């Protein structure tokens, strides 16, 4: 059973709110089998979880010269 399922079943805590507010950050539970970075990588990237590594590209995201 995944962590999110356990949290909802045992504690009544959903993975995300029922009515999320636009422009409000919500971070889902990290699964036990999630790929994590080394401490040095995590410090440099600002997260230990590869799923949360979302580099900010400014206005250049999706352009051919990225």
C-alpha atoms as a PDB file:
ATOM      1  CA  UNK A   1       0.000   0.000   0.000  1.00  0.00           C
ATOM      2  CA  UNK A   2       1.312   3.436  -0.916  1.00  0.00           C
ATOM      3  CA  UNK A   3       1.914   6.126   1.682  1.00  0.00           C
ATOM      4  CA  UNK A   4      -0.825   8.389   0.292  1.00  0.00           C
ATOM      5  CA  UNK A   5      -3.358   5.535   0.579  1.00  0.00           C
ATOM      6  CA  UNK A   6      -2.288   4.808   4.169  1.00  0.00           C
ATOM      7  CA  UNK A   7      -2.541   8.483   5.173  1.00  0.00           C
ATOM      8  CA  UNK A   8      -6.039   8.764   3.704  1.00  0.00           C
ATOM      9  CA  UNK A   9      -7.294   5.433   5.081  1.00  0.00           C
ATOM     10  CA  UNK A  10      -5.829   5.581   8.604  1.00  0.00           C
ATOM     11  CA  UNK A  11      -5.789   9.320   9.285  1.00  0.00           C
ATOM     12  CA  UNK A  12      -8.321  10.796   6.843  1.00  0.00           C
ATOM     13  CA  UNK A  13      -5.655  13.036   5.295  1.00  0.00           C
ATOM     14  CA  UNK A  14      -6.049  13.241   1.485  1.00  0.00           C
ATOM     15  CA  UNK A  15      -3.062  13.559  -0.832  1.00  0.00           C
ATOM     16  CA  UNK A  16      -4.372  16.979  -1.949  1.00  0.00           C
ATOM     17  CA  UNK A  17      -7.184  19.197  -0.607  1.00  0.00           C
ATOM     18  CA  UNK A  18     -10.716  18.674  -1.961  1.00  0.00           C
ATOM     19  CA  UNK A  19     -10.929  22.250  -3.269  1.00  0.00           C
ATOM     20  CA  UNK A  20      -7.398  23.462  -3.979  1.00  0.00           C
ATOM     21  CA  UNK A  21      -7.023  27.242  -4.269  1.00  0.00           C
ATOM     22  CA  UNK A  22      -5.446  28.557  -7.505  1.00  0.00           C
ATOM     23  CA  UNK A  23      -1.862  29.779  -7.102  1.00  0.00           C
ATOM     24  CA  UNK A  24      -1.454  27.976  -3.763  1.00  0.00           C
ATOM     25  CA  UNK A  25       1.362  25.435  -3.541  1.00  0.00           C
ATOM     26  CA  UNK A  26       0.461  21.868  -2.589  1.00  0.00           C
ATOM     27  CA  UNK A  27       3.114  19.184  -2.246  1.00  0.00           C
ATOM     28  CA  UNK A  28       1.864  15.593  -2.357  1.00  0.00           C
ATOM     29  CA  UNK A  29       3.236  12.955   0.005  1.00  0.00           C
ATOM     30  CA  UNK A  30       6.527  11.493  -1.164  1.00  0.00           C
ATOM     31  CA  UNK A  31       6.290   7.764  -1.785  1.00  0.00           C
ATOM     32  CA  UNK A  32       8.659   5.368  -0.027  1.00  0.00           C
ATOM     33  CA  UNK A  33      10.178   4.243  -3.333  1.00  0.00           C
ATOM     34  CA  UNK A  34      10.800   7.782  -4.642  1.00  0.00           C
ATOM     35  CA  UNK A  35      14.198   8.446  -6.224  1.00  0.00           C
ATOM     36  CA  UNK A  36      16.163  10.772  -3.966  1.00  0.00           C
ATOM     37  CA  UNK A  37      19.313  12.735  -4.654  1.00  0.00           C
ATOM     38  CA  UNK A  38      22.552  12.515  -2.717  1.00  0.00           C
ATOM     39  CA  UNK A  39      22.850  15.137   0.061  1.00  0.00           C
ATOM     40  CA  UNK A  40      25.170  17.288  -2.095  1.00  0.00           C
ATOM     41  CA  UNK A  41      22.801  17.131  -5.085  1.00  0.00           C
ATOM     42  CA  UNK A  42      19.769  17.824  -2.886  1.00  0.00           C
ATOM     43  CA  UNK A  43      21.412  20.877  -1.342  1.00  0.00           C
ATOM     44  CA  UNK A  44      22.404  22.247  -4.750  1.00  0.00           C
ATOM     45  CA  UNK A  45      18.979  21.597  -6.301  1.00  0.00           C
ATOM     46  CA  UNK A  46      16.869  22.622  -3.296  1.00  0.00           C
ATOM     47  CA  UNK A  47      15.091  19.267  -2.964  1.00  0.00           C
ATOM     48  CA  UNK A  48      15.984  15.691  -2.161  1.00  0.00           C
ATOM     49  CA  UNK A  49      13.222  14.298  -4.402  1.00  0.00           C
ATOM     50  CA  UNK A  50      13.719  14.042  -8.160  1.00  0.00           C
ATOM     51  CA  UNK A  51       9.959  14.468  -8.709  1.00  0.00           C
ATOM     52  CA  UNK A  52      10.113  17.918  -7.090  1.00  0.00           C
ATOM     53  CA  UNK A  53      13.119  19.114  -9.080  1.00  0.00           C
ATOM     54  CA  UNK A  54      11.447  21.695 -11.327  1.00  0.00           C
ATOM     55  CA  UNK A  55      14.106  24.155 -12.491  1.00  0.00           C
ATOM     56  CA  UNK A  56      12.823  27.652 -13.275  1.00  0.00           C
ATOM     57  CA  UNK A  57      13.538  28.531 -16.902  1.00  0.00           C
ATOM     58  CA  UNK A  58      12.177  32.076 -16.924  1.00  0.00           C
ATOM     59  CA  UNK A  59      10.634  32.989 -20.244  1.00  0.00           C
ATOM     60  CA  UNK A  60      12.746  30.510 -22.183  1.00  0.00           C
ATOM     61  CA  UNK A  61      10.885  27.298 -21.364  1.00  0.00           C
ATOM     62  CA  UNK A  62       9.961  25.369 -24.454  1.00  0.00           C
ATOM     63  CA  UNK A  63      12.059  27.416 -26.855  1.00  0.00           C
ATOM     64  CA  UNK A  64      14.288  25.651 -29.357  1.00  0.00           C
ATOM     65  CA  UNK A  65      17.499  27.105 -27.841  1.00  0.00           C
ATOM     66  CA  UNK A  66      16.953  25.897 -24.243  1.00  0.00           C
END
